[in-house]
Amino acid sequence: MTIEKILAAALAGQPLTGEEALALLHIENISADFHKLLSVANQLTRREFQNRAYIFAQIGINAEPCSKNCKFCSMGENHYAMESTWQKDYKAISAEVDSLIQTGIDDLFLMTTADYSIENFLDIGEKVRRQLPEKVKFVANIGDFDETVALKLKQAGFTGVYHIHRLREGIDTDIEPETRIKTLEAIRAVDLDLYYCVEPIGPEHSYQELIDEMLRAREYDVKVMAVMRRIPVPGTPLKHKGQITALELAKIAAVTRMVTVPSRAMNTHEVTPLTLLGGVNQLYAEVGANPRDSHSITEKNRGVSVMTIRKLLEDAEYDL
């Protein structure tokens, strides 16, 4: 099938096959077809999401060495690259939550390393939920867990979970792929919204690896989808492998949007304005620890503010 026919099928709402996705990913980034690809993804998002955009915020509540040793993460135990270690107490988290609410957010994420106490996380989560306006969705970004914990997250007031099978899981991480899949099954079993991402994408990853994760996300009926390029953080084992370009990320985001058909929003991470032309209608503000940053207070370094994100989405003529 030609590129034109694949794009026409996508615009008509037909789910793309892996072979069709592969053909789109092989489009040259400086070609006319590249712009056609972005245009179709843009039209799909504007039409299906009624031109609505979303601002998400994430608070990293601890900066500590993590036993899972992800080779792309600044907090791996064997290569800890941050300048300090700490845990935030509820008082500090509460103040940040209040500040984020005042600036206007749609979803709030709490993120921890994989070894963080689930009991502490649930206790903090229950308190934070009481702070949040009812309309703000509440998302957990934590380590792996079973169905019992998934149910406790739901009872604590979380509406969704960010969880993924990462690229080269078990190779670039000390986590068995089956462990990640079991957590995805637990999320589905208790009917929590799934937030998924193809990540962390580096120059060495094949297009087939990316497509495998796109199709996995579709299988799990993803609500919010994303793609993320790996940041070469100094001190991390994968720094030497480099970073894909903004053009490449925009192409991958557009194809991912068409393949996964998320029901609410499409994101790229970190914030890359070019992708707003290719179907992306959601961006993240970040505070606290960030696994793509060597500074443990990311809002003072890599993290983007809510106000900056709002301006970017408004300049893209999205409705907030």
C-alpha atoms as a PDB file:
ATOM      1  CA  MET A   1       0.000   0.000   0.000  1.00  0.00           C
ATOM      2  CA  THR A   2       1.297   3.480  -0.824  1.00  0.00           C
ATOM      3  CA  ILE A   3       1.944   6.161   1.781  1.00  0.00           C
ATOM      4  CA  GLU A   4      -1.015   8.131   0.428  1.00  0.00           C
ATOM      5  CA  LYS A   5      -3.377   5.174   0.880  1.00  0.00           C
ATOM      6  CA  ILE A   6      -2.091   4.442   4.393  1.00  0.00           C
ATOM      7  CA  LEU A   7      -2.619   8.059   5.438  1.00  0.00           C
ATOM      8  CA  ALA A   8      -6.075   8.105   3.864  1.00  0.00           C
ATOM      9  CA  ALA A   9      -6.998   4.965   5.798  1.00  0.00           C
ATOM     10  CA  ALA A  10      -5.748   6.500   9.037  1.00  0.00           C
ATOM     11  CA  LEU A  11      -7.704   9.695   8.413  1.00  0.00           C
ATOM     12  CA  ALA A  12     -10.807   7.582   7.825  1.00  0.00           C
ATOM     13  CA  GLY A  13     -10.348   6.068  11.276  1.00  0.00           C
ATOM     14  CA  GLN A  14      -9.014   2.661  10.276  1.00  0.00           C
ATOM     15  CA  PRO A  15      -6.550   1.069  12.740  1.00  0.00           C
ATOM     16  CA  LEU A  16      -3.113   0.718  11.154  1.00  0.00           C
ATOM     17  CA  THR A  17      -1.291  -2.592  10.961  1.00  0.00           C
ATOM     18  CA  GLY A  18       2.293  -3.034  12.065  1.00  0.00           C
ATOM     19  CA  GLU A  19       3.375  -3.176   8.430  1.00  0.00           C
ATOM     20  CA  GLU A  20       1.631   0.099   7.653  1.00  0.00           C
ATOM     21  CA  ALA A  21       3.198   1.732  10.694  1.00  0.00           C
ATOM     22  CA  LEU A  22       6.614   0.527   9.562  1.00  0.00           C
ATOM     23  CA  ALA A  23       6.111   2.110   6.147  1.00  0.00           C
ATOM     24  CA  LEU A  24       5.234   5.446   7.766  1.00  0.00           C
ATOM     25  CA  LEU A  25       8.229   5.334  10.088  1.00  0.00           C
ATOM     26  CA  HIS A  26      10.513   4.901   7.096  1.00  0.00           C
ATOM     27  CA  ILE A  27       9.349   8.233   5.636  1.00  0.00           C
ATOM     28  CA  GLU A  28      12.270  10.607   5.148  1.00  0.00           C
ATOM     29  CA  ASN A  29      12.145  13.404   7.728  1.00  0.00           C
ATOM     30  CA  ILE A  30      12.765  16.202   5.218  1.00  0.00           C
ATOM     31  CA  SER A  31      10.332  14.940   2.599  1.00  0.00           C
ATOM     32  CA  ALA A  32       6.874  16.091   1.534  1.00  0.00           C
ATOM     33  CA  ASP A  33       5.441  12.844   2.933  1.00  0.00           C
ATOM     34  CA  PHE A  34       6.760  13.797   6.372  1.00  0.00           C
ATOM     35  CA  HIS A  35       4.593  16.914   6.363  1.00  0.00           C
ATOM     36  CA  LYS A  36       1.614  14.951   5.078  1.00  0.00           C
ATOM     37  CA  LEU A  37       2.069  12.494   7.948  1.00  0.00           C
ATOM     38  CA  LEU A  38       2.087  15.254  10.554  1.00  0.00           C
ATOM     39  CA  SER A  39      -0.926  16.868   8.926  1.00  0.00           C
ATOM     40  CA  VAL A  40      -3.021  13.704   9.137  1.00  0.00           C
ATOM     41  CA  ALA A  41      -2.111  13.122  12.793  1.00  0.00           C
ATOM     42  CA  ASN A  42      -2.931  16.759  13.499  1.00  0.00           C
ATOM     43  CA  GLN A  43      -6.325  16.482  11.813  1.00  0.00           C
ATOM     44  CA  LEU A  44      -7.155  13.313  13.775  1.00  0.00           C
ATOM     45  CA  THR A  45      -6.375  14.917  17.111  1.00  0.00           C
ATOM     46  CA  ARG A  46      -8.181  18.183  16.358  1.00  0.00           C
ATOM     47  CA  ARG A  47     -11.248  16.292  15.164  1.00  0.00           C
ATOM     48  CA  GLU A  48     -11.468  13.439  17.657  1.00  0.00           C
ATOM     49  CA  PHE A  49     -10.540  15.473  20.738  1.00  0.00           C
ATOM     50  CA  GLN A  50     -12.556  18.554  19.692  1.00  0.00           C
ATOM     51  CA  ASN A  51      -9.378  20.676  19.613  1.00  0.00           C
ATOM     52  CA  ARG A  52      -8.979  20.196  23.365  1.00  0.00           C
ATOM     53  CA  ALA A  53      -5.532  20.261  24.949  1.00  0.00           C
ATOM     54  CA  TYR A  54      -4.396  19.151  28.411  1.00  0.00           C
ATOM     55  CA  ILE A  55      -1.793  20.217  30.946  1.00  0.00           C
ATOM     56  CA  PHE A  56      -0.427  17.476  33.187  1.00  0.00           C
ATOM     57  CA  ALA A  57       1.920  17.997  36.133  1.00  0.00           C
ATOM     58  CA  GLN A  58       4.184  15.492  37.850  1.00  0.00           C
ATOM     59  CA  ILE A  59       5.810  15.718  41.278  1.00  0.00           C
ATOM     60  CA  GLY A  60       8.817  13.491  41.855  1.00  0.00           C
ATOM     61  CA  ILE A  61       8.532  12.890  45.593  1.00  0.00           C
ATOM     62  CA  ASN A  62      11.884  11.201  46.228  1.00  0.00           C
ATOM     63  CA  ALA A  63      15.430  11.334  44.897  1.00  0.00           C
ATOM     64  CA  GLU A  64      17.162   8.127  45.970  1.00  0.00           C
ATOM     65  CA  PRO A  65      19.257   5.332  44.464  1.00  0.00           C
ATOM     66  CA  CYS A  66      16.976   2.728  42.854  1.00  0.00           C
ATOM     67  CA  SER A  67      17.805  -0.981  42.760  1.00  0.00           C
ATOM     68  CA  LYS A  68      16.323  -1.438  39.257  1.00  0.00           C
ATOM     69  CA  ASN A  69      19.364   0.263  37.712  1.00  0.00           C
ATOM     70  CA  CYS A  70      17.728   1.495  34.519  1.00  0.00           C
ATOM     71  CA  LYS A  71      20.670   2.521  32.363  1.00  0.00           C
ATOM     72  CA  PHE A  72      18.926   5.684  31.126  1.00  0.00           C
ATOM     73  CA  CYS A  73      17.884   6.919  34.594  1.00  0.00           C
ATOM     74  CA  SER A  74      19.843   9.342  36.757  1.00  0.00           C
ATOM     75  CA  MET A  75      18.737   7.504  39.909  1.00  0.00           C
ATOM     76  CA  GLY A  76      20.086   4.022  39.193  1.00  0.00           C
ATOM     77  CA  GLU A  77      21.763   2.584  42.292  1.00  0.00           C
ATOM     78  CA  ASN A  78      24.940   1.637  40.420  1.00  0.00           C
ATOM     79  CA  HIS A  79      25.330   5.013  38.701  1.00  0.00           C
ATOM     80  CA  TYR A  80      23.422   7.579  40.804  1.00  0.00           C
ATOM     81  CA  ALA A  81      23.936  10.877  38.967  1.00  0.00           C
ATOM     82  CA  MET A  82      21.981  13.388  41.059  1.00  0.00           C
ATOM     83  CA  GLU A  83      23.674  15.866  43.359  1.00  0.00           C
ATOM     84  CA  SER A  84      21.652  14.917  46.463  1.00  0.00           C
ATOM     85  CA  THR A  85      19.242  12.400  47.974  1.00  0.00           C
ATOM     86  CA  TRP A  86      15.960  13.160  49.758  1.00  0.00           C
ATOM     87  CA  GLN A  87      12.321  12.291  50.354  1.00  0.00           C
ATOM     88  CA  LYS A  88       9.570  14.913  50.459  1.00  0.00           C
ATOM     89  CA  ASP A  89       7.126  14.840  53.351  1.00  0.00           C
ATOM     90  CA  TYR A  90       3.439  15.505  52.910  1.00  0.00           C
ATOM     91  CA  LYS A  91       3.769  19.153  53.959  1.00  0.00           C
ATOM     92  CA  ALA A  92       6.187  19.892  51.103  1.00  0.00           C
ATOM     93  CA  ILE A  93       4.138  17.900  48.605  1.00  0.00           C
ATOM     94  CA  SER A  94       0.931  19.603  49.718  1.00  0.00           C
ATOM     95  CA  ALA A  95       2.405  23.056  49.094  1.00  0.00           C
ATOM     96  CA  GLU A  96       3.465  22.036  45.578  1.00  0.00           C
ATOM     97  CA  VAL A  97       0.044  20.547  44.870  1.00  0.00           C
ATOM     98  CA  ASP A  98      -1.662  23.788  45.916  1.00  0.00           C
ATOM     99  CA  SER A  99       0.645  25.806  43.677  1.00  0.00           C
ATOM    100  CA  LEU A 100      -0.017  23.548  40.676  1.00  0.00           C
ATOM    101  CA  ILE A 101      -3.769  23.658  41.203  1.00  0.00           C
ATOM    102  CA  GLN A 102      -3.682  27.452  41.186  1.00  0.00           C
ATOM    103  CA  THR A 103      -1.855  27.549  37.847  1.00  0.00           C
ATOM    104  CA  GLY A 104      -4.423  25.204  36.309  1.00  0.00           C
ATOM    105  CA  ILE A 105      -3.773  21.526  35.568  1.00  0.00           C
ATOM    106  CA  ASP A 106      -5.916  18.665  34.294  1.00  0.00           C
ATOM    107  CA  ASP A 107      -4.057  15.663  35.742  1.00  0.00           C
ATOM    108  CA  LEU A 108      -1.617  15.338  38.636  1.00  0.00           C
ATOM    109  CA  PHE A 109       1.001  12.574  38.811  1.00  0.00           C
ATOM    110  CA  LEU A 110       2.966  11.490  41.859  1.00  0.00           C
ATOM    111  CA  MET A 111       6.200   9.718  40.914  1.00  0.00           C
ATOM    112  CA  THR A 112       8.586   7.627  43.020  1.00  0.00           C
ATOM    113  CA  THR A 113      11.503   5.294  42.481  1.00  0.00           C
ATOM    114  CA  ALA A 114      10.640   1.590  42.390  1.00  0.00           C
ATOM    115  CA  ASP A 115      11.835   0.941  45.961  1.00  0.00           C
ATOM    116  CA  TYR A 116       9.704   3.627  47.609  1.00  0.00           C
ATOM    117  CA  SER A 117       7.360   2.357  50.331  1.00  0.00           C
ATOM    118  CA  ILE A 118       3.906   1.631  48.932  1.00  0.00           C
ATOM    119  CA  GLU A 119       2.402   2.256  52.390  1.00  0.00           C
ATOM    120  CA  ASN A 120       3.877   5.763  52.481  1.00  0.00           C
ATOM    121  CA  PHE A 121       2.753   6.364  48.919  1.00  0.00           C
ATOM    122  CA  LEU A 122      -0.840   5.350  49.637  1.00  0.00           C
ATOM    123  CA  ASP A 123      -0.926   7.513  52.771  1.00  0.00           C
ATOM    124  CA  ILE A 124       0.332  10.572  50.887  1.00  0.00           C
ATOM    125  CA  GLY A 125      -1.961   9.800  47.959  1.00  0.00           C
ATOM    126  CA  GLU A 126      -5.081   9.762  50.130  1.00  0.00           C
ATOM    127  CA  LYS A 127      -4.179  13.163  51.561  1.00  0.00           C
ATOM    128  CA  VAL A 128      -3.353  14.692  48.181  1.00  0.00           C
ATOM    129  CA  ARG A 129      -6.617  13.416  46.667  1.00  0.00           C
ATOM    130  CA  ARG A 130      -8.537  15.414  49.283  1.00  0.00           C
ATOM    131  CA  GLN A 131      -6.707  18.543  48.120  1.00  0.00           C
ATOM    132  CA  LEU A 132      -7.508  18.097  44.459  1.00  0.00           C
ATOM    133  CA  PRO A 133     -10.584  19.453  42.715  1.00  0.00           C
ATOM    134  CA  GLU A 134     -12.830  16.588  41.665  1.00  0.00           C
ATOM    135  CA  LYS A 135     -12.208  17.309  37.966  1.00  0.00           C
ATOM    136  CA  VAL A 136      -8.431  16.793  38.287  1.00  0.00           C
ATOM    137  CA  LYS A 137      -7.414  13.225  37.492  1.00  0.00           C
ATOM    138  CA  PHE A 138      -4.904  11.622  39.853  1.00  0.00           C
ATOM    139  CA  VAL A 139      -2.197   9.307  38.516  1.00  0.00           C
ATOM    140  CA  ALA A 140       0.392   7.037  40.154  1.00  0.00           C
ATOM    141  CA  ASN A 141       3.835   6.583  38.582  1.00  0.00           C
ATOM    142  CA  ILE A 142       5.527   3.971  40.767  1.00  0.00           C
ATOM    143  CA  GLY A 143       7.226   0.561  40.598  1.00  0.00           C
ATOM    144  CA  ASP A 144       5.572  -2.741  39.829  1.00  0.00           C
ATOM    145  CA  PHE A 145       2.651  -4.059  41.874  1.00  0.00           C
ATOM    146  CA  ASP A 146      -0.046  -6.718  41.974  1.00  0.00           C
ATOM    147  CA  GLU A 147      -3.825  -6.527  41.773  1.00  0.00           C
ATOM    148  CA  THR A 148      -4.167  -6.054  45.554  1.00  0.00           C
ATOM    149  CA  VAL A 149      -2.073  -2.896  45.421  1.00  0.00           C
ATOM    150  CA  ALA A 150      -3.869  -1.747  42.272  1.00  0.00           C
ATOM    151  CA  LEU A 151      -7.147  -1.904  44.176  1.00  0.00           C
ATOM    152  CA  LYS A 152      -5.620   0.021  47.091  1.00  0.00           C
ATOM    153  CA  LEU A 153      -4.485   2.732  44.664  1.00  0.00           C
ATOM    154  CA  LYS A 154      -8.030   3.034  43.387  1.00  0.00           C
ATOM    155  CA  GLN A 155      -9.429   3.167  46.926  1.00  0.00           C
ATOM    156  CA  ALA A 156      -6.919   5.895  47.805  1.00  0.00           C
ATOM    157  CA  GLY A 157      -8.378   8.055  45.035  1.00  0.00           C
ATOM    158  CA  PHE A 158      -6.045   7.435  42.111  1.00  0.00           C
ATOM    159  CA  THR A 159      -7.878   7.397  38.797  1.00  0.00           C
ATOM    160  CA  GLY A 160      -5.034   6.072  36.673  1.00  0.00           C
ATOM    161  CA  VAL A 161      -1.506   4.700  36.504  1.00  0.00           C
ATOM    162  CA  TYR A 162       1.448   5.518  34.280  1.00  0.00           C
ATOM    163  CA  HIS A 163       3.060   2.167  33.530  1.00  0.00           C
ATOM    164  CA  ILE A 164       4.885   0.712  30.558  1.00  0.00           C
ATOM    165  CA  HIS A 165       6.966  -2.114  29.189  1.00  0.00           C
ATOM    166  CA  ARG A 166      10.047  -0.100  28.334  1.00  0.00           C
ATOM    167  CA  LEU A 167      12.175  -0.513  25.246  1.00  0.00           C
ATOM    168  CA  ARG A 168      14.699  -3.300  25.915  1.00  0.00           C
ATOM    169  CA  GLU A 169      13.174  -4.086  29.291  1.00  0.00           C
ATOM    170  CA  GLY A 170      15.364  -6.606  31.084  1.00  0.00           C
ATOM    171  CA  ILE A 171      18.385  -5.537  29.032  1.00  0.00           C
ATOM    172  CA  ASP A 172      18.652  -1.833  29.839  1.00  0.00           C
ATOM    173  CA  THR A 173      16.859  -2.391  33.169  1.00  0.00           C
ATOM    174  CA  ASP A 174      17.094  -4.921  36.005  1.00  0.00           C
ATOM    175  CA  ILE A 175      13.380  -5.739  35.671  1.00  0.00           C
ATOM    176  CA  GLU A 176      11.968  -8.855  34.058  1.00  0.00           C
ATOM    177  CA  PRO A 177       9.594  -8.010  31.185  1.00  0.00           C
ATOM    178  CA  GLU A 178       7.026 -10.387  32.666  1.00  0.00           C
ATOM    179  CA  THR A 179       6.945  -8.283  35.831  1.00  0.00           C
ATOM    180  CA  ARG A 180       5.954  -5.212  33.846  1.00  0.00           C
ATOM    181  CA  ILE A 181       3.237  -7.146  32.008  1.00  0.00           C
ATOM    182  CA  LYS A 182       1.777  -8.449  35.275  1.00  0.00           C
ATOM    183  CA  THR A 183       1.444  -4.867  36.502  1.00  0.00           C
ATOM    184  CA  LEU A 184      -0.312  -3.851  33.281  1.00  0.00           C
ATOM    185  CA  GLU A 185      -2.737  -6.721  33.841  1.00  0.00           C
ATOM    186  CA  ALA A 186      -3.356  -5.581  37.414  1.00  0.00           C
ATOM    187  CA  ILE A 187      -4.138  -2.056  36.226  1.00  0.00           C
ATOM    188  CA  ARG A 188      -6.633  -3.392  33.706  1.00  0.00           C
ATOM    189  CA  ALA A 189      -8.204  -5.781  36.228  1.00  0.00           C
ATOM    190  CA  VAL A 190      -9.298  -2.964  38.568  1.00  0.00           C
ATOM    191  CA  ASP A 191     -10.256  -0.589  35.737  1.00  0.00           C
ATOM    192  CA  LEU A 192      -7.723   2.174  36.346  1.00  0.00           C
ATOM    193  CA  ASP A 193      -6.938   4.412  33.362  1.00  0.00           C
ATOM    194  CA  LEU A 194      -3.686   3.441  31.672  1.00  0.00           C
ATOM    195  CA  TYR A 195      -1.181   6.096  30.635  1.00  0.00           C
ATOM    196  CA  TYR A 196       1.367   4.521  28.280  1.00  0.00           C
ATOM    197  CA  CYS A 197       4.499   5.636  26.467  1.00  0.00           C
ATOM    198  CA  VAL A 198       6.963   4.307  23.911  1.00  0.00           C
ATOM    199  CA  GLU A 199      10.189   5.064  25.736  1.00  0.00           C
ATOM    200  CA  PRO A 200      13.001   5.824  26.201  1.00  0.00           C
ATOM    201  CA  ILE A 201      13.684   6.043  22.465  1.00  0.00           C
ATOM    202  CA  GLY A 202      17.325   6.208  21.426  1.00  0.00           C
ATOM    203  CA  PRO A 203      19.111   6.117  18.054  1.00  0.00           C
ATOM    204  CA  GLU A 204      19.838   2.401  18.483  1.00  0.00           C
ATOM    205  CA  HIS A 205      16.215   1.262  18.700  1.00  0.00           C
ATOM    206  CA  SER A 206      14.689  -0.323  15.599  1.00  0.00           C
ATOM    207  CA  TYR A 207      11.334   0.799  14.263  1.00  0.00           C
ATOM    208  CA  GLN A 208       9.982  -2.683  14.950  1.00  0.00           C
ATOM    209  CA  GLU A 209      10.785  -2.271  18.645  1.00  0.00           C
ATOM    210  CA  LEU A 210       8.748   0.941  18.675  1.00  0.00           C
ATOM    211  CA  ILE A 211       5.853  -0.670  16.815  1.00  0.00           C
ATOM    212  CA  ASP A 212       5.740  -3.563  19.283  1.00  0.00           C
ATOM    213  CA  GLU A 213       5.063  -1.078  22.086  1.00  0.00           C
ATOM    214  CA  MET A 214       2.520   0.864  20.025  1.00  0.00           C
ATOM    215  CA  LEU A 215       0.553  -2.325  19.457  1.00  0.00           C
ATOM    216  CA  ARG A 216       0.858  -3.281  23.123  1.00  0.00           C
ATOM    217  CA  ALA A 217      -0.630   0.060  24.138  1.00  0.00           C
ATOM    218  CA  ARG A 218      -3.529  -0.446  21.733  1.00  0.00           C
ATOM    219  CA  GLU A 219      -4.126  -3.910  23.170  1.00  0.00           C
ATOM    220  CA  TYR A 220      -4.547  -2.363  26.615  1.00  0.00           C
ATOM    221  CA  ASP A 221      -7.033   0.265  25.393  1.00  0.00           C
ATOM    222  CA  VAL A 222      -4.783   3.182  26.273  1.00  0.00           C
ATOM    223  CA  LYS A 223      -6.473   6.420  27.372  1.00  0.00           C
ATOM    224  CA  VAL A 224      -3.444   8.721  27.169  1.00  0.00           C
ATOM    225  CA  MET A 225      -0.527   7.828  24.913  1.00  0.00           C
ATOM    226  CA  ALA A 226       2.968   9.276  24.637  1.00  0.00           C
ATOM    227  CA  VAL A 227       6.385   8.897  23.098  1.00  0.00           C
ATOM    228  CA  MET A 228       9.597   9.970  24.802  1.00  0.00           C
ATOM    229  CA  ARG A 229      13.117  10.341  23.494  1.00  0.00           C
ATOM    230  CA  ARG A 230      15.932   9.342  25.810  1.00  0.00           C
ATOM    231  CA  ILE A 231      17.879  12.210  27.344  1.00  0.00           C
ATOM    232  CA  PRO A 232      21.639  11.474  27.505  1.00  0.00           C
ATOM    233  CA  VAL A 233      22.075  12.340  31.190  1.00  0.00           C
ATOM    234  CA  PRO A 234      25.740  12.706  32.224  1.00  0.00           C
ATOM    235  CA  GLY A 235      26.809   9.766  34.365  1.00  0.00           C
ATOM    236  CA  THR A 236      24.243   7.300  33.014  1.00  0.00           C
ATOM    237  CA  PRO A 237      25.415   4.189  31.125  1.00  0.00           C
ATOM    238  CA  LEU A 238      23.525   4.993  27.919  1.00  0.00           C
ATOM    239  CA  LYS A 239      24.673   8.617  27.612  1.00  0.00           C
ATOM    240  CA  HIS A 240      27.177   7.712  24.888  1.00  0.00           C
ATOM    241  CA  LYS A 241      24.430   6.419  22.594  1.00  0.00           C
ATOM    242  CA  GLY A 242      23.098   9.933  22.025  1.00  0.00           C
ATOM    243  CA  GLN A 243      19.638  11.291  21.272  1.00  0.00           C
ATOM    244  CA  ILE A 244      17.179  11.238  18.377  1.00  0.00           C
ATOM    245  CA  THR A 245      16.258  14.531  16.703  1.00  0.00           C
ATOM    246  CA  ALA A 246      13.102  16.581  17.198  1.00  0.00           C
ATOM    247  CA  LEU A 247      12.067  15.725  13.621  1.00  0.00           C
ATOM    248  CA  GLU A 248      12.408  12.021  14.302  1.00  0.00           C
ATOM    249  CA  LEU A 249      10.441  12.354  17.538  1.00  0.00           C
ATOM    250  CA  ALA A 250       7.663  14.235  15.728  1.00  0.00           C
ATOM    251  CA  LYS A 251       7.408  11.475  13.110  1.00  0.00           C
ATOM    252  CA  ILE A 252       7.285   8.753  15.764  1.00  0.00           C
ATOM    253  CA  ALA A 253       4.633  10.690  17.701  1.00  0.00           C
ATOM    254  CA  ALA A 254       2.447  11.071  14.611  1.00  0.00           C
ATOM    255  CA  VAL A 255       2.644   7.373  13.761  1.00  0.00           C
ATOM    256  CA  THR A 256       2.036   6.381  17.379  1.00  0.00           C
ATOM    257  CA  ARG A 257      -1.055   8.606  17.441  1.00  0.00           C
ATOM    258  CA  MET A 258      -2.453   6.761  14.417  1.00  0.00           C
ATOM    259  CA  VAL A 259      -1.596   3.243  15.598  1.00  0.00           C
ATOM    260  CA  THR A 260      -2.646   3.430  19.257  1.00  0.00           C
ATOM    261  CA  VAL A 261      -5.778   5.586  18.828  1.00  0.00           C
ATOM    262  CA  PRO A 262      -5.784   6.963  22.402  1.00  0.00           C
ATOM    263  CA  SER A 263      -9.214   7.943  23.661  1.00  0.00           C
ATOM    264  CA  ARG A 264      -8.212  11.186  25.368  1.00  0.00           C
ATOM    265  CA  ALA A 265      -4.810  12.650  24.566  1.00  0.00           C
ATOM    266  CA  MET A 266      -1.424  12.272  22.853  1.00  0.00           C
ATOM    267  CA  ASN A 267       1.814  13.480  24.403  1.00  0.00           C
ATOM    268  CA  THR A 268       5.513  13.776  23.629  1.00  0.00           C
ATOM    269  CA  HIS A 269       8.168  14.030  26.274  1.00  0.00           C
ATOM    270  CA  GLU A 270      10.138  16.003  27.065  1.00  0.00           C
ATOM    271  CA  VAL A 271       8.369  19.120  25.775  1.00  0.00           C
ATOM    272  CA  THR A 272       9.154  19.470  22.053  1.00  0.00           C
ATOM    273  CA  PRO A 273       7.082  22.250  20.382  1.00  0.00           C
ATOM    274  CA  LEU A 274       7.457  20.819  16.875  1.00  0.00           C
ATOM    275  CA  THR A 275       5.334  17.800  17.839  1.00  0.00           C
ATOM    276  CA  LEU A 276       2.307  20.044  18.416  1.00  0.00           C
ATOM    277  CA  LEU A 277       1.994  20.076  14.604  1.00  0.00           C
ATOM    278  CA  GLY A 278       1.672  16.290  14.530  1.00  0.00           C
ATOM    279  CA  GLY A 279      -1.197  15.282  16.763  1.00  0.00           C
ATOM    280  CA  VAL A 280       0.182  16.074  20.227  1.00  0.00           C
ATOM    281  CA  ASN A 281      -2.333  17.851  22.492  1.00  0.00           C
ATOM    282  CA  GLN A 282      -0.875  17.278  25.961  1.00  0.00           C
ATOM    283  CA  LEU A 283       2.342  18.320  27.700  1.00  0.00           C
ATOM    284  CA  TYR A 284       3.882  17.840  31.167  1.00  0.00           C
ATOM    285  CA  ALA A 285       5.120  20.267  33.783  1.00  0.00           C
ATOM    286  CA  GLU A 286       7.551  18.693  36.257  1.00  0.00           C
ATOM    287  CA  VAL A 287       8.765  19.469  39.766  1.00  0.00           C
ATOM    288  CA  GLY A 288      10.970  17.536  42.156  1.00  0.00           C
ATOM    289  CA  ALA A 289      13.042  14.558  41.043  1.00  0.00           C
ATOM    290  CA  ASN A 290      13.182  13.711  37.340  1.00  0.00           C
ATOM    291  CA  PRO A 291      14.974  10.596  36.025  1.00  0.00           C
ATOM    292  CA  ARG A 292      16.138  12.574  32.967  1.00  0.00           C
ATOM    293  CA  ASP A 293      17.884  15.235  35.065  1.00  0.00           C
ATOM    294  CA  SER A 294      21.046  15.299  37.155  1.00  0.00           C
ATOM    295  CA  HIS A 295      19.595  18.142  39.251  1.00  0.00           C
ATOM    296  CA  SER A 296      17.197  16.729  41.832  1.00  0.00           C
ATOM    297  CA  ILE A 297      15.017  19.859  41.721  1.00  0.00           C
ATOM    298  CA  THR A 298      14.098  19.633  38.054  1.00  0.00           C
ATOM    299  CA  GLU A 299      12.009  22.822  37.999  1.00  0.00           C
ATOM    300  CA  LYS A 300      15.336  24.637  38.386  1.00  0.00           C
ATOM    301  CA  ASN A 301      16.857  22.843  35.408  1.00  0.00           C
ATOM    302  CA  ARG A 302      15.057  20.639  32.822  1.00  0.00           C
ATOM    303  CA  GLY A 303      11.490  20.828  34.131  1.00  0.00           C
ATOM    304  CA  VAL A 304       9.028  23.047  32.240  1.00  0.00           C
ATOM    305  CA  SER A 305       6.480  25.168  34.100  1.00  0.00           C
ATOM    306  CA  VAL A 306       2.703  25.069  33.738  1.00  0.00           C
ATOM    307  CA  MET A 307       2.679  28.620  32.427  1.00  0.00           C
ATOM    308  CA  THR A 308       5.204  27.783  29.689  1.00  0.00           C
ATOM    309  CA  ILE A 309       3.140  24.775  28.640  1.00  0.00           C
ATOM    310  CA  ARG A 310      -0.058  26.817  28.612  1.00  0.00           C
ATOM    311  CA  LYS A 311       1.561  29.340  26.288  1.00  0.00           C
ATOM    312  CA  LEU A 312       2.831  26.626  23.933  1.00  0.00           C
ATOM    313  CA  LEU A 313      -0.596  24.994  23.660  1.00  0.00           C
ATOM    314  CA  GLU A 314      -2.347  28.329  23.157  1.00  0.00           C
ATOM    315  CA  ASP A 315       0.157  29.281  20.446  1.00  0.00           C
ATOM    316  CA  ALA A 316      -0.722  25.990  18.734  1.00  0.00           C
ATOM    317  CA  GLU A 317      -4.347  27.201  18.807  1.00  0.00           C
ATOM    318  CA  TYR A 318      -5.599  24.489  21.118  1.00  0.00           C
ATOM    319  CA  ASP A 319      -8.460  25.059  23.533  1.00  0.00           C
ATOM    320  CA  LEU A 320      -7.702  24.702  27.236  1.00  0.00           C
END
